[in-house]
Amino acid sequence: MFKEFLEAAENEIQLVRNEYDNLQNEENQITERLNEISEIRFKLVIQNDALQSYVTACTSNRYTCPSCFIRNRQTIEISPISSQDANDIFKCPHCSLQIEVEI
């Protein structure tokens, strides 16, 4: 009878160890995901700050390339180019981004 009790206790210990290992793996995955989310959040905060700065920079009469400003903090003036329709098209001489503004 003692042997059966001991086997049952050992089985229960193994179940607890397995559950502990599973929870440890799950915790590691959650921690890894939280780190990924934190990195994404940090990048978004930086992009948001850049966008806020870009909006402030756009209050002048010059139009600057949003891509160059956000990526490199460069204020590259975009130039109008001819278009086939009534919309205005601007092109960045640095990164070649084209922006079409509907009229």
Protein backbone atom coordinates (compact mmCIF):
# COMPACT_ATOMS: atom_id res chain seq x y z
CA MET A 1 0.00 0.00 0.00
CA PHE A 2 2.86 2.38 0.81
CA LYS A 3 4.42 1.60 -2.57
CA GLU A 4 1.17 2.55 -4.35
CA PHE A 5 0.96 5.77 -2.34
CA LEU A 6 4.57 6.58 -3.24
CA GLU A 7 3.92 5.92 -6.95
CA ALA A 8 0.82 8.13 -6.87
CA ALA A 9 2.82 10.90 -5.19
CA GLU A 10 5.61 10.58 -7.77
CA ASN A 11 3.05 10.73 -10.58
CA GLU A 12 1.52 13.83 -9.03
CA ILE A 13 4.97 15.41 -8.69
CA GLN A 14 5.66 14.68 -12.38
CA LEU A 15 2.33 16.28 -13.37
CA VAL A 16 3.20 19.36 -11.34
CA ARG A 17 6.67 19.53 -12.92
CA ASN A 18 5.17 19.21 -16.41
CA GLU A 19 2.66 21.95 -15.65
CA TYR A 20 5.46 24.13 -14.26
CA ASP A 21 7.54 23.58 -17.42
CA ASN A 22 4.54 24.41 -19.62
CA LEU A 23 3.88 27.59 -17.67
CA GLN A 24 7.56 28.53 -17.81
CA ASN A 25 7.53 28.11 -21.61
CA GLU A 26 4.36 30.16 -21.87
CA GLU A 27 5.87 32.88 -19.67
CA ASN A 28 8.97 32.97 -21.90
CA GLN A 29 6.79 33.33 -25.01
CA ILE A 30 4.77 36.12 -23.40
CA THR A 31 7.94 37.91 -22.30
CA GLU A 32 9.35 37.64 -25.81
CA ARG A 33 6.12 39.02 -27.29
CA LEU A 34 6.07 41.87 -24.76
CA ASN A 35 9.61 42.77 -25.80
CA GLU A 36 8.54 42.79 -29.47
CA ILE A 37 5.56 44.99 -28.64
CA SER A 38 7.78 47.34 -26.65
CA GLU A 39 10.14 47.71 -29.63
CA ILE A 40 7.21 48.39 -31.97
CA ARG A 41 5.78 50.94 -29.53
CA PHE A 42 9.16 52.68 -29.28
CA LYS A 43 9.40 52.92 -33.08
CA LEU A 44 5.85 54.27 -33.27
CA VAL A 45 6.61 56.93 -30.66
CA ILE A 46 9.63 58.02 -32.70
CA GLN A 47 7.54 58.11 -35.90
CA ASN A 48 4.81 60.06 -34.11
CA ASP A 49 7.35 62.61 -32.89
CA ALA A 50 8.72 62.92 -36.42
CA LEU A 51 5.22 63.40 -37.80
CA GLN A 52 4.47 66.07 -35.22
CA SER A 53 7.69 67.84 -36.20
CA TYR A 54 6.78 67.49 -39.88
CA VAL A 55 3.37 69.05 -39.30
CA THR A 56 5.07 71.93 -37.52
CA ALA A 57 7.58 72.31 -40.36
CA CYS A 58 4.78 72.36 -42.95
CA THR A 59 3.26 75.53 -41.59
CA SER A 60 5.52 77.53 -43.90
CA ASN A 61 4.76 78.10 -47.58
CA ARG A 62 7.29 75.46 -48.67
CA TYR A 63 6.32 71.86 -49.17
CA THR A 64 8.81 69.31 -47.91
CA CYS A 65 9.05 65.58 -48.55
CA PRO A 66 7.38 63.71 -45.68
CA SER A 67 9.35 60.55 -46.38
CA CYS A 68 12.77 62.24 -46.19
CA PHE A 69 11.73 64.19 -43.13
CA ILE A 70 10.44 61.18 -41.19
CA ARG A 71 13.26 58.81 -42.17
CA ASN A 72 16.23 61.18 -42.09
CA ARG A 73 14.95 64.44 -40.58
CA GLN A 74 15.88 66.12 -43.86
CA THR A 75 13.78 69.01 -45.09
CA ILE A 76 13.93 68.39 -48.83
CA GLU A 77 11.70 70.73 -50.77
CA ILE A 78 9.38 68.95 -53.21
CA SER A 79 8.75 70.47 -56.61
CA PRO A 80 5.60 70.53 -58.71
CA ILE A 81 5.72 68.50 -61.91
CA SER A 82 3.38 68.56 -64.88
CA SER A 83 0.36 66.32 -64.81
CA GLN A 84 -2.17 65.12 -67.35
CA ASP A 85 -5.19 65.90 -65.18
CA ALA A 86 -6.29 68.69 -62.87
CA ASN A 87 -4.52 67.29 -59.81
CA ASP A 88 -1.23 68.71 -58.57
CA ILE A 89 1.76 66.36 -58.46
CA PHE A 90 4.89 67.02 -56.44
CA LYS A 91 8.14 65.06 -56.61
CA CYS A 92 11.03 64.82 -54.19
CA PRO A 93 14.41 65.26 -55.92
CA HIS A 94 16.11 63.19 -53.22
CA CYS A 95 13.99 60.02 -52.83
CA SER A 96 11.75 60.40 -55.94
CA LEU A 97 8.55 60.17 -53.90
CA GLN A 98 5.60 61.52 -55.86
CA ILE A 99 2.62 63.01 -54.08
CA GLU A 100 -0.61 63.69 -55.91
CA VAL A 101 -2.93 66.30 -54.45
CA GLU A 102 -6.51 66.18 -55.65
CA ILE A 103 -8.03 69.52 -56.47
